[in-house]
Amino acid sequence: MSLVDQSLPDLVAYEAEGRRIGASLDSVAAVVVVGKSPDNAAAVALGIGEAQATSRRVVVADLVGDITALTRLVSSDDPHGLSDSFLFGVSLNKVAQPVGSANLYVLPSGTEPVADDAIYRNDRWRRLVAGFREVGALLVLVASEQVPGLSALITYTDGAIAVGRGEVPGLVLDVAKIPRPPGSTLTPSGRYTVIVPKRRSRRPLFIGAGALAAAAAIVATVVYRAAASASAPVAVDTTKTDTVAAVRRSLDSASAAVAPDTPPIRNPGDSARATAFGVEIAKFSTPTGALMRVRGELPRATPAATFGVVAIGADATLWYRVVAGAAASRRAADSTLSSLRATRAIDDPAAGAVVSVPFAFRLQAGVAPAAADSVAADFRARGIPAYALLQDDSTATIYAGAFETADQAALFTTYLRGLGVEPALTYRLGRVF
């Protein structure tokens, strides 16, 4: 069964070539597919997935962003995907979408840009791939050749497949001439890229150059096999395995791999002085909605508006919670709640609640009070929900987020790092002004 748009002959041919390549990838746990055309690369990836899904679980992931050949297969209206997993800790098993056979899944790109250098270089890919290898599954990453971190991404996997022609920045390249077979209309004859990742000790295995030529010479492939002493992938008996449950186990392993560690608390001695209480205003399913509320939709008089991430329900669904106010006592926070309702910052009388959120990420300390609003606004313009609190020494500290626990705050660390901020978790101190 074909998964690509049948009205596009080139995509059908690329998918067929992917199936041919896929038959040779039984020992591979993860591979990157890259090309000048994301749809062509995705068609090859889907072909690989179809070939391998006959015997094991396969996940095809969009690391380019809204690739048409992949998004057309997703029936769910859930916008979350890979970017939300890396930036906000969303579980991968919640965003993987089944397509085609019972063993084949697509991971959409998500609500935020995913062709991002920080995501491509993230060391958590190493553990993610290990999770797939452990359960004998296959991860196929459709990546962009324009992201400098592509070479780092490839080193975390078993190799790469370059679709079509063109050099890929940042890689050691070996270019092979493969003649175009008679009658091919897909590509001109010429030079085709073979990707050789840097800093790998594994021996390359060139997959059928002759077969590639016979298949329209549209792809040149290099994959890597582990040394003989390495553990072989775990075999999967698809006649006895609940494939949905099995793929969720593999994705749970992957999700655990990308979940950030609990950050250290920089000022543990200040727990008794923490400005511990705030007011929950609303929850959003995406960070974009929460950021819009913090940046533009809350009245100017709303103090210390920010947002964080919370896991809710038995399935630990992640929501982006907007919180305002910073009070040292619950009574003071109750007063803030009443004020927010009076000013219609909370327009539903049944909404809003006082919450204990003593933790926040410190962005900048020692700011002159006159400059605090401007500094916080600059952070908000970058997508960071910053706010200022006045300290006992008459300076201001800029914070982001408000969290009940350090573990909860951990979900926010990759978001801040993705925006160029190294998180410093603290008990939040000070008062609104």
Protein backbone atom coordinates (compact mmCIF):
# COMPACT_ATOMS: atom_id res chain seq x y z
CA MET A 1 0.00 0.00 0.00
CA SER A 2 1.40 3.37 -1.02
CA LEU A 3 1.36 6.25 1.46
CA VAL A 4 2.32 9.13 -0.84
CA ASP A 5 0.14 11.22 -3.12
CA GLN A 6 -0.52 8.96 -6.11
CA SER A 7 -1.02 11.99 -8.37
CA LEU A 8 2.69 12.80 -8.01
CA PRO A 9 4.70 10.18 -9.96
CA ASP A 10 8.06 11.34 -8.62
CA LEU A 11 6.95 10.80 -5.02
CA VAL A 12 5.68 7.34 -5.92
CA ALA A 13 9.09 6.50 -7.40
CA TYR A 14 10.96 7.85 -4.38
CA GLU A 15 8.72 5.81 -2.09
CA ALA A 16 9.46 2.70 -4.14
CA GLU A 17 13.18 3.38 -3.83
CA GLY A 18 12.74 3.74 -0.08
CA ARG A 19 11.16 0.29 0.03
CA ARG A 20 14.17 -1.13 -1.82
CA ILE A 21 16.57 0.51 0.60
CA GLY A 22 14.44 -0.48 3.57
CA ALA A 23 14.90 -4.16 2.79
CA SER A 24 18.61 -3.73 3.64
CA LEU A 25 18.14 -1.99 7.00
CA ASP A 26 17.19 -4.87 9.28
CA SER A 27 20.12 -4.22 11.64
CA VAL A 28 19.65 -0.44 11.81
CA ALA A 29 17.94 1.27 14.77
CA ALA A 30 18.00 4.87 13.49
CA VAL A 31 18.77 6.58 10.22
CA VAL A 32 18.60 10.17 8.94
CA VAL A 33 17.09 10.92 5.52
CA VAL A 34 18.00 14.29 4.04
CA GLY A 35 17.44 15.91 0.66
CA LYS A 36 16.97 19.20 -1.13
CA SER A 37 13.26 18.39 -1.41
CA PRO A 38 11.72 17.51 1.99
CA ASP A 39 8.80 15.75 0.29
CA ASN A 40 11.16 13.55 -1.74
CA ALA A 41 13.13 12.72 1.39
CA ALA A 42 9.89 11.98 3.27
CA ALA A 43 8.72 9.68 0.47
CA VAL A 44 11.98 7.69 0.76
CA ALA A 45 11.53 7.58 4.55
CA LEU A 46 7.97 6.29 4.21
CA GLY A 47 9.14 3.64 1.77
CA ILE A 48 11.75 2.52 4.30
CA GLY A 49 9.05 2.50 6.96
CA GLU A 50 6.71 0.38 4.86
CA ALA A 51 9.44 -2.18 4.16
CA GLN A 52 10.53 -2.47 7.80
CA ALA A 53 7.04 -2.29 9.33
CA THR A 54 6.34 -5.81 8.07
CA SER A 55 8.52 -7.15 10.87
CA ARG A 56 9.00 -4.41 13.48
CA ARG A 57 7.81 -1.02 14.68
CA VAL A 58 8.91 2.04 12.71
CA VAL A 59 8.55 5.75 13.51
CA VAL A 60 9.09 8.33 10.76
CA ALA A 61 9.80 11.75 12.30
CA ASP A 62 9.50 15.22 10.74
CA LEU A 63 12.61 17.25 11.65
CA VAL A 64 12.01 19.77 8.85
CA GLY A 65 8.60 21.13 9.74
CA ASP A 66 5.14 20.42 8.31
CA ILE A 67 6.35 18.24 5.43
CA THR A 68 3.31 17.81 3.22
CA ALA A 69 4.03 14.16 2.46
CA LEU A 70 3.86 13.44 6.20
CA THR A 71 1.21 15.88 7.45
CA ARG A 72 -1.34 14.54 4.96
CA LEU A 73 -1.14 11.21 6.76
CA VAL A 74 -1.95 12.65 10.20
CA SER A 75 -5.66 12.48 11.03
CA SER A 76 -5.50 13.82 14.59
CA ASP A 77 -6.10 17.52 15.25
CA ASP A 78 -3.55 17.48 18.10
CA PRO A 79 -0.89 20.04 17.04
CA HIS A 80 1.87 18.66 19.27
CA GLY A 81 4.91 16.86 17.95
CA LEU A 82 8.68 16.52 18.17
CA SER A 83 9.36 20.16 19.03
CA ASP A 84 6.96 19.96 21.97
CA SER A 85 8.72 16.84 23.24
CA PHE A 86 12.16 18.47 23.17
CA LEU A 87 11.11 21.94 24.33
CA PHE A 88 8.30 21.16 26.76
CA GLY A 89 8.58 17.48 27.67
CA VAL A 90 5.44 16.27 25.86
CA SER A 91 5.46 12.47 25.80
CA LEU A 92 6.33 11.09 22.37
CA ASN A 93 3.76 8.33 22.69
CA LYS A 94 1.05 11.01 22.85
CA VAL A 95 2.02 12.59 19.54
CA ALA A 96 2.95 9.54 17.45
CA GLN A 97 0.27 8.99 14.81
CA PRO A 98 -0.40 5.52 13.36
CA VAL A 99 -0.41 5.38 9.55
CA GLY A 100 -0.61 2.57 7.05
CA SER A 101 0.19 -0.71 8.75
CA ALA A 102 -0.19 -1.31 12.47
CA ASN A 103 3.58 -1.04 12.93
CA LEU A 104 4.14 2.33 11.23
CA TYR A 105 3.89 5.71 12.96
CA VAL A 106 4.55 9.34 12.03
CA LEU A 107 5.87 11.94 14.48
CA PRO A 108 4.75 15.43 13.33
CA SER A 109 7.03 18.42 13.79
CA GLY A 110 4.85 20.09 16.44
CA THR A 111 3.84 23.61 17.45
CA GLU A 112 7.31 25.19 17.38
CA PRO A 113 10.06 25.26 14.71
CA VAL A 114 11.85 21.91 14.74
CA ALA A 115 14.62 22.56 12.18
CA ASP A 116 16.62 24.07 15.01
CA ASP A 117 20.34 23.69 15.66
CA ALA A 118 19.83 23.14 19.39
CA ILE A 119 17.40 20.29 18.73
CA TYR A 120 19.62 18.66 16.10
CA ARG A 121 22.65 18.79 18.41
CA ASN A 122 20.79 17.65 21.53
CA ASP A 123 22.65 14.78 23.18
CA ARG A 124 19.34 13.23 24.18
CA TRP A 125 19.15 11.77 20.67
CA ARG A 126 21.80 9.30 21.82
CA ARG A 127 19.50 7.89 24.47
CA LEU A 128 16.47 8.15 22.21
CA VAL A 129 18.17 5.95 19.62
CA ALA A 130 19.28 3.56 22.36
CA GLY A 131 15.63 3.17 23.37
CA PHE A 132 14.65 2.19 19.84
CA ARG A 133 17.61 -0.17 19.55
CA GLU A 134 16.72 -1.85 22.84
CA VAL A 135 13.23 -2.81 21.67
CA GLY A 136 14.26 -3.62 18.10
CA ALA A 137 12.36 -0.68 16.57
CA LEU A 138 13.47 1.73 13.83
CA LEU A 139 13.54 5.54 13.96
CA VAL A 140 13.70 7.34 10.59
CA LEU A 141 14.46 11.08 10.88
CA VAL A 142 13.62 13.27 7.89
CA ALA A 143 16.00 16.21 8.41
CA SER A 144 16.88 19.53 6.79
CA GLU A 145 20.20 19.96 5.04
CA GLN A 146 20.13 23.66 6.00
CA VAL A 147 20.60 23.12 9.76
CA PRO A 148 24.29 23.26 10.80
CA GLY A 149 23.68 20.65 13.48
CA LEU A 150 22.81 18.00 10.89
CA SER A 151 26.25 16.39 11.14
CA ALA A 152 25.87 16.07 14.92
CA LEU A 153 22.41 14.55 14.51
CA ILE A 154 23.74 11.93 12.11
CA THR A 155 26.48 10.86 14.53
CA TYR A 156 23.79 9.89 17.05
CA THR A 157 22.24 7.47 14.53
CA ASP A 158 23.45 4.56 12.43
CA GLY A 159 24.02 6.75 9.38
CA ALA A 160 22.27 8.76 6.71
CA ILE A 161 20.64 8.61 3.30
CA ALA A 162 21.06 11.56 0.93
CA VAL A 163 18.19 11.90 -1.51
CA GLY A 164 19.05 13.55 -4.82
CA ARG A 165 22.04 15.75 -5.45
CA GLY A 166 23.76 18.56 -3.63
CA GLU A 167 26.25 19.03 -0.86
CA VAL A 168 25.16 18.98 2.74
CA PRO A 169 26.92 21.62 4.90
CA GLY A 170 29.07 20.52 7.79
CA LEU A 171 29.71 16.95 6.69
CA VAL A 172 32.63 15.03 5.33
CA LEU A 173 31.41 14.15 1.83
CA ASP A 174 32.29 11.40 -0.57
CA VAL A 175 30.66 12.03 -3.93
CA ALA A 176 30.05 9.10 -6.27
CA LYS A 177 29.04 9.18 -9.92
CA ILE A 178 26.06 6.97 -10.56
CA PRO A 179 24.75 6.86 -14.14
CA ARG A 180 21.10 7.46 -14.76
CA PRO A 181 19.36 4.36 -16.07
CA PRO A 182 17.62 4.56 -19.44
CA GLY A 183 14.14 6.05 -19.35
CA SER A 184 14.49 7.70 -15.94
CA THR A 185 12.84 11.09 -15.61
CA LEU A 186 13.51 11.64 -11.92
CA THR A 187 16.98 13.13 -11.91
CA PRO A 188 19.73 13.95 -14.39
CA SER A 189 22.84 11.86 -14.42
CA GLY A 190 25.69 13.33 -12.44
CA ARG A 191 27.16 13.39 -8.96
CA TYR A 192 25.29 12.06 -5.98
CA THR A 193 26.15 12.74 -2.38
CA VAL A 194 27.22 9.97 -0.05
CA ILE A 195 27.23 11.15 3.56
CA VAL A 196 30.06 10.09 5.84
CA PRO A 197 29.46 11.31 9.41
CA LYS A 198 32.43 12.59 11.38
CA ARG A 199 33.96 11.01 14.47
CA ARG A 200 32.51 7.54 14.09
CA SER A 201 34.47 4.34 14.53
CA ARG A 202 31.93 2.13 12.84
CA ARG A 203 32.73 0.52 9.51
CA PRO A 204 30.57 1.84 6.66
CA LEU A 205 28.52 -0.57 4.62
CA PHE A 206 27.57 0.75 1.18
CA ILE A 207 24.15 -0.52 0.28
CA GLY A 208 23.94 -1.82 -3.25
CA ALA A 209 25.35 0.85 -5.56
CA GLY A 210 24.31 -1.30 -8.48
CA ALA A 211 20.80 -1.64 -7.15
CA LEU A 212 20.61 2.11 -6.67
CA ALA A 213 21.62 2.69 -10.26
CA ALA A 214 19.00 0.23 -11.41
CA ALA A 215 16.45 2.12 -9.32
CA ALA A 216 16.83 5.43 -11.12
CA ALA A 217 19.98 6.52 -9.28
CA ILE A 218 17.98 8.86 -7.06
CA VAL A 219 19.59 7.96 -3.75
CA ALA A 220 23.11 7.21 -2.57
CA THR A 221 23.19 5.51 0.80
CA VAL A 222 25.63 4.95 3.62
CA VAL A 223 24.65 3.18 6.80
CA TYR A 224 26.74 1.91 9.69
CA ARG A 225 26.66 -1.38 11.51
CA ALA A 226 27.88 -1.90 15.03
CA ALA A 227 31.06 -3.86 15.62
CA ALA A 228 30.70 -7.61 15.97
CA SER A 229 30.79 -7.37 19.75
CA ALA A 230 27.81 -5.01 19.90
CA SER A 231 24.44 -6.33 20.99
CA ALA A 232 22.05 -7.15 18.18
CA PRO A 233 18.61 -5.51 18.19
CA VAL A 234 15.93 -7.39 20.08
CA ALA A 235 13.75 -9.45 17.73
CA VAL A 236 10.03 -8.67 17.79
CA ASP A 237 7.47 -11.43 17.31
CA THR A 238 4.64 -9.49 15.69
CA THR A 239 2.30 -12.47 15.94
CA LYS A 240 2.36 -12.32 19.73
CA THR A 241 3.03 -8.66 20.48
CA ASP A 242 0.38 -6.03 20.97
CA THR A 243 1.95 -3.60 18.53
CA VAL A 244 0.24 -0.49 19.89
CA ALA A 245 1.35 -1.25 23.43
CA ALA A 246 4.82 -2.19 22.19
CA VAL A 247 5.35 1.01 20.26
CA ARG A 248 4.16 2.99 23.26
CA ARG A 249 6.77 1.23 25.37
CA SER A 250 9.49 2.14 22.91
CA LEU A 251 8.27 5.73 22.73
CA ASP A 252 8.01 5.90 26.51
CA SER A 253 11.67 4.88 26.61
CA ALA A 254 12.43 7.59 24.07
CA SER A 255 10.39 10.16 25.99
CA ALA A 256 12.21 9.32 29.19
CA ALA A 257 15.45 9.82 27.31
CA VAL A 258 14.54 13.34 26.27
CA ALA A 259 13.02 14.36 29.60
CA PRO A 260 15.39 16.82 31.27
CA ASP A 261 16.94 16.14 34.64
CA THR A 262 15.60 18.00 37.65
CA PRO A 263 17.63 21.21 37.85
CA PRO A 264 19.49 22.10 41.07
CA ILE A 265 18.02 24.81 43.30
CA ARG A 266 20.52 27.66 43.42
CA ASN A 267 19.34 29.18 46.74
CA PRO A 268 18.08 26.30 48.91
CA GLY A 269 18.53 28.36 52.07
CA ASP A 270 15.83 30.81 50.96
CA SER A 271 12.92 28.37 51.07
CA ALA A 272 11.37 30.03 54.14
CA ARG A 273 11.51 33.47 52.45
CA ALA A 274 10.04 32.39 49.13
CA THR A 275 7.29 34.42 47.51
CA ALA A 276 5.35 31.21 47.25
CA PHE A 277 1.83 32.04 46.07
CA GLY A 278 0.35 33.05 42.76
CA VAL A 279 -2.96 32.92 40.89
CA GLU A 280 -3.68 30.49 38.10
CA ILE A 281 -5.48 32.40 35.34
CA ALA A 282 -5.86 29.84 32.56
CA LYS A 283 -4.38 26.75 30.92
CA PHE A 284 -3.50 26.42 27.24
CA SER A 285 -2.75 23.38 25.13
CA THR A 286 0.13 25.16 23.35
CA PRO A 287 2.88 27.52 24.54
CA THR A 288 1.89 29.99 21.82
CA GLY A 289 -1.52 30.56 23.41
CA ALA A 290 0.02 31.01 26.85
CA LEU A 291 2.66 33.42 25.55
CA MET A 292 0.06 35.51 23.72
CA ARG A 293 -1.92 35.81 26.95
CA VAL A 294 1.16 36.87 28.91
CA ARG A 295 2.49 39.27 26.28
CA GLY A 296 -0.55 40.99 24.98
CA GLU A 297 -3.92 39.95 26.30
CA LEU A 298 -3.53 40.50 30.05
CA PRO A 299 -4.21 44.00 31.39
CA ARG A 300 -1.11 46.07 32.08
CA ALA A 301 -2.05 46.11 35.76
CA THR A 302 -1.75 42.30 36.03
CA PRO A 303 1.33 41.70 38.19
CA ALA A 304 4.07 39.18 37.45
CA ALA A 305 2.25 37.39 34.63
CA THR A 306 4.12 34.32 33.38
CA PHE A 307 3.51 30.70 32.41
CA GLY A 308 4.89 27.26 33.16
CA VAL A 309 4.17 23.64 32.30
CA VAL A 310 2.03 21.22 34.29
CA ALA A 311 1.21 17.54 33.73
CA ILE A 312 -2.47 16.81 34.33
CA GLY A 313 -4.51 13.63 34.53
CA ALA A 314 -3.74 9.94 34.53
CA ASP A 315 -2.03 10.25 31.16
CA ALA A 316 0.07 13.23 32.36
CA THR A 317 -1.02 15.49 29.51
CA LEU A 318 1.05 18.68 29.47
CA TRP A 319 -0.65 22.06 29.68
CA TYR A 320 0.82 25.55 29.68
CA ARG A 321 -0.45 27.32 32.78
CA VAL A 322 -0.61 31.10 32.99
CA VAL A 323 0.06 32.37 36.51
CA ALA A 324 0.03 35.94 37.82
CA GLY A 325 0.96 37.56 41.09
CA ALA A 326 3.70 36.89 43.62
CA ALA A 327 2.65 36.82 47.24
CA ALA A 328 4.25 35.62 50.45
CA SER A 329 0.93 34.47 51.95
CA ARG A 330 -2.19 32.75 50.70
CA ARG A 331 -4.33 35.62 52.05
CA ALA A 332 -2.43 38.11 49.89
CA ALA A 333 -2.83 35.83 46.89
CA ASP A 334 -6.58 35.64 47.55
CA SER A 335 -6.63 39.44 47.35
CA THR A 336 -4.81 39.26 44.02
CA LEU A 337 -7.36 36.76 42.73
CA SER A 338 -10.22 39.08 43.67
CA SER A 339 -8.47 41.99 41.96
CA LEU A 340 -7.89 39.98 38.76
CA ARG A 341 -11.56 39.03 38.65
CA ALA A 342 -12.58 42.65 39.21
CA THR A 343 -10.40 43.86 36.32
CA ARG A 344 -11.64 40.98 34.07
CA ALA A 345 -8.18 39.50 33.73
CA ILE A 346 -10.15 36.43 34.80
CA ASP A 347 -13.55 36.87 33.15
CA ASP A 348 -15.09 33.56 34.23
CA PRO A 349 -16.21 33.70 37.87
CA ALA A 350 -15.67 29.96 38.15
CA ALA A 351 -12.08 30.19 36.87
CA GLY A 352 -8.94 31.19 38.71
CA ALA A 353 -7.33 29.63 41.75
CA VAL A 354 -4.59 30.38 44.25
CA VAL A 355 -1.61 28.05 43.73
CA SER A 356 1.62 27.46 45.60
CA VAL A 357 4.42 28.14 43.12
CA PRO A 358 7.61 28.93 45.08
CA PHE A 359 10.05 28.13 42.26
CA ALA A 360 11.04 30.21 39.24
CA PHE A 361 13.97 30.52 36.85
CA ARG A 362 16.17 33.54 37.57
CA LEU A 363 17.08 35.33 34.35
CA GLN A 364 18.88 38.43 35.62
CA ALA A 365 19.62 39.95 39.03
CA GLY A 366 20.67 43.40 40.18
CA VAL A 367 18.51 45.28 37.66
CA ALA A 368 17.73 48.93 38.37
CA PRO A 369 13.99 49.20 39.16
CA ALA A 370 13.52 51.90 36.51
CA ALA A 371 14.86 49.50 33.87
CA ALA A 372 13.11 46.35 35.09
CA ASP A 373 10.01 46.64 32.90
CA SER A 374 12.13 47.22 29.82
CA VAL A 375 14.43 44.27 30.57
CA ALA A 376 11.47 41.96 31.18
CA ALA A 377 9.81 43.18 27.97
CA ASP A 378 12.96 42.36 26.01
CA PHE A 379 12.85 38.78 27.34
CA ARG A 380 9.13 38.50 26.51
CA ALA A 381 9.83 39.64 22.95
CA ARG A 382 12.11 36.60 22.64
CA GLY A 383 9.33 34.27 23.77
CA ILE A 384 10.39 34.06 27.43
CA PRO A 385 7.55 34.81 29.92
CA ALA A 386 9.61 37.17 32.10
CA TYR A 387 8.55 39.37 35.00
CA ALA A 388 10.30 41.51 37.61
CA LEU A 389 10.17 41.36 41.41
CA LEU A 390 11.61 44.05 43.69
CA GLN A 391 14.23 42.83 46.17
CA ASP A 392 15.10 43.94 49.70
CA ASP A 393 18.21 45.72 48.42
CA SER A 394 16.04 47.91 46.13
CA THR A 395 17.17 46.17 42.94
CA ALA A 396 14.95 44.04 40.74
CA THR A 397 15.34 40.40 39.71
CA ILE A 398 13.92 39.13 36.45
CA TYR A 399 12.27 35.71 36.64
CA ALA A 400 10.51 33.34 34.22
CA GLY A 401 7.85 30.81 35.14
CA ALA A 402 6.28 29.83 38.44
CA PHE A 403 6.37 26.19 39.53
CA GLU A 404 5.11 24.03 42.34
CA THR A 405 8.15 21.73 42.43
CA ALA A 406 11.63 21.50 40.99
CA ASP A 407 10.55 18.43 38.99
CA GLN A 408 7.77 20.45 37.41
CA ALA A 409 10.24 23.21 36.57
CA ALA A 410 12.42 20.65 34.77
CA LEU A 411 9.83 20.51 31.98
CA PHE A 412 10.65 24.15 31.21
CA THR A 413 14.44 23.89 31.02
CA THR A 414 14.67 22.77 27.40
CA TYR A 415 12.27 25.54 26.41
CA LEU A 416 14.57 28.17 27.92
CA ARG A 417 17.72 26.58 26.50
CA GLY A 418 16.12 26.56 23.08
CA LEU A 419 15.74 30.32 23.42
CA GLY A 420 19.37 30.82 24.41
CA VAL A 421 18.93 31.00 28.20
CA GLU A 422 20.78 28.71 30.62
CA PRO A 423 18.21 28.06 33.38
CA ALA A 424 18.96 28.88 37.02
CA LEU A 425 16.22 27.49 39.25
CA THR A 426 15.64 29.38 42.49
CA TYR A 427 13.12 29.99 45.18
CA ARG A 428 11.59 33.21 43.90
CA LEU A 429 12.07 36.18 46.18
CA GLY A 430 10.73 39.72 46.19
CA ARG A 431 7.47 41.51 45.64
CA VAL A 432 5.53 43.00 42.76
CA PHE A 433 5.94 46.72 42.14
